[in-house]
Protein backbone atom coordinates (compact mmCIF):
# COMPACT_ATOMS: atom_id res chain seq x y z
CA UNK A 1 99.60 106.73 91.27
CA UNK A 2 103.26 106.43 90.21
CA UNK A 3 104.11 110.13 90.70
CA UNK A 4 102.71 109.90 94.24
CA UNK A 5 104.80 106.74 94.87
CA UNK A 6 108.04 108.36 93.73
CA UNK A 7 107.29 111.55 95.66
CA UNK A 8 106.69 109.48 98.79
CA UNK A 9 109.95 107.58 98.24
CA UNK A 10 111.85 110.86 97.82
CA UNK A 11 110.40 112.22 101.07
CA UNK A 12 111.19 108.99 102.92
CA UNK A 13 114.78 109.05 101.61
CA UNK A 14 115.24 112.42 103.30
CA UNK A 15 114.36 110.75 106.62
CA UNK A 16 117.00 108.01 106.41
CA UNK A 17 118.80 107.45 109.69
CA UNK A 18 122.56 107.97 109.83
CA UNK A 19 124.70 105.11 111.10
CA UNK A 20 125.72 105.85 114.68
CA UNK A 21 128.43 103.17 114.51
CA UNK A 22 130.01 104.81 111.47
CA UNK A 23 129.77 108.32 112.88
CA UNK A 24 131.41 107.29 116.17
CA UNK A 25 134.02 104.78 114.99
CA UNK A 26 134.56 105.80 111.39
CA UNK A 27 133.89 102.34 109.93
CA UNK A 28 130.68 100.89 108.58
CA UNK A 29 128.60 98.54 110.67
CA UNK A 30 127.27 95.20 109.35
CA UNK A 31 123.92 96.88 108.60
CA UNK A 32 125.27 99.84 106.65
CA UNK A 33 123.66 100.00 103.24
CA UNK A 34 120.40 98.26 104.11
CA UNK A 35 118.28 101.43 104.03
CA UNK A 36 119.75 102.57 100.71
CA UNK A 37 119.36 99.05 99.34
CA UNK A 38 115.68 98.99 100.29
CA UNK A 39 115.11 102.32 98.54
CA UNK A 40 116.87 101.07 95.41
CA UNK A 41 114.71 97.95 95.50
CA UNK A 42 111.56 100.08 95.90
CA UNK A 43 112.61 102.01 92.80
CA UNK A 44 112.98 98.75 90.85
CA UNK A 45 116.78 98.80 90.68
CA UNK A 46 117.22 95.21 91.88
CA UNK A 47 120.81 94.54 90.79
CA UNK A 48 122.07 97.78 92.34
CA UNK A 49 120.18 96.92 95.52
CA UNK A 50 121.77 93.47 95.74
CA UNK A 51 125.26 94.80 95.03
CA UNK A 52 124.88 97.44 97.74
CA UNK A 53 123.67 95.02 100.44
CA UNK A 54 123.68 91.33 99.65
CA UNK A 55 121.19 90.30 102.32
CA UNK A 56 118.31 92.59 101.32
CA UNK A 57 116.27 90.05 99.36
CA UNK A 58 116.98 87.13 101.74
CA UNK A 59 115.93 89.28 104.70
CA UNK A 60 112.70 90.31 102.96
CA UNK A 61 112.04 86.68 102.05
CA UNK A 62 112.62 85.63 105.65
CA UNK A 63 110.27 88.32 106.94
CA UNK A 64 107.61 87.22 104.46
CA UNK A 65 107.99 83.59 105.55
CA UNK A 66 107.85 84.68 109.20
CA UNK A 67 104.54 86.50 108.61
CA UNK A 68 103.14 83.50 106.74
CA UNK A 69 104.27 81.19 109.53
CA UNK A 70 102.54 83.38 112.12
CA UNK A 71 99.33 83.19 110.10
CA UNK A 72 99.36 79.53 109.04
CA UNK A 73 101.57 77.82 111.67
CA UNK A 74 103.63 75.64 109.33
CA UNK A 75 104.67 72.28 110.80
CA UNK A 76 108.41 72.91 110.48
CA UNK A 77 108.17 76.70 110.33
CA UNK A 78 110.33 77.26 113.43
CA UNK A 79 113.15 75.13 112.05
CA UNK A 80 112.94 76.83 108.68
CA UNK A 81 113.10 80.25 110.35
CA UNK A 82 116.17 79.25 112.36
CA UNK A 83 117.79 78.09 109.12
CA UNK A 84 116.86 81.37 107.38
CA UNK A 85 118.16 83.44 110.31
CA UNK A 86 121.44 81.53 110.14
CA UNK A 87 121.74 81.94 106.38
CA UNK A 88 121.05 85.67 106.62
CA UNK A 89 123.60 86.01 109.41
CA UNK A 90 126.18 84.25 107.26
CA UNK A 91 125.39 86.46 104.26
CA UNK A 92 125.65 89.60 106.40
CA UNK A 93 128.96 88.44 107.89
CA UNK A 94 130.40 87.60 104.45
CA UNK A 95 129.28 90.94 103.01
CA UNK A 96 130.72 92.83 105.99
CA UNK A 97 134.04 91.01 105.67
CA UNK A 98 134.05 91.77 101.93
CA UNK A 99 133.40 95.47 102.58
CA UNK A 100 136.12 95.70 105.19
CA UNK A 101 138.73 94.00 103.02
CA UNK A 102 137.86 95.52 99.61
CA UNK A 103 136.28 98.92 100.19
CA UNK A 104 138.50 100.79 102.61
């Protein structure tokens, strides 16, 4: 099963989309690195994934909570999702600012 999994990951990595923002303007967009981070996470390289794109795990956690909320209709689920969206937006903004100031 594992050889099939890694073969599938390798084939999917070849299909990664290029960043249109970066190709047109020459600078990375706030989402640059998410695809590569997800592939690193799928390969079990968690620390590298987090260092590449800080919001990967929070976004996945938010998506999981969103799916659970759709299924179980939590009492304060909408408020929690708004909070999670805001936190992820802040993390993405901070990471983007960090990349622009430290990784020219």
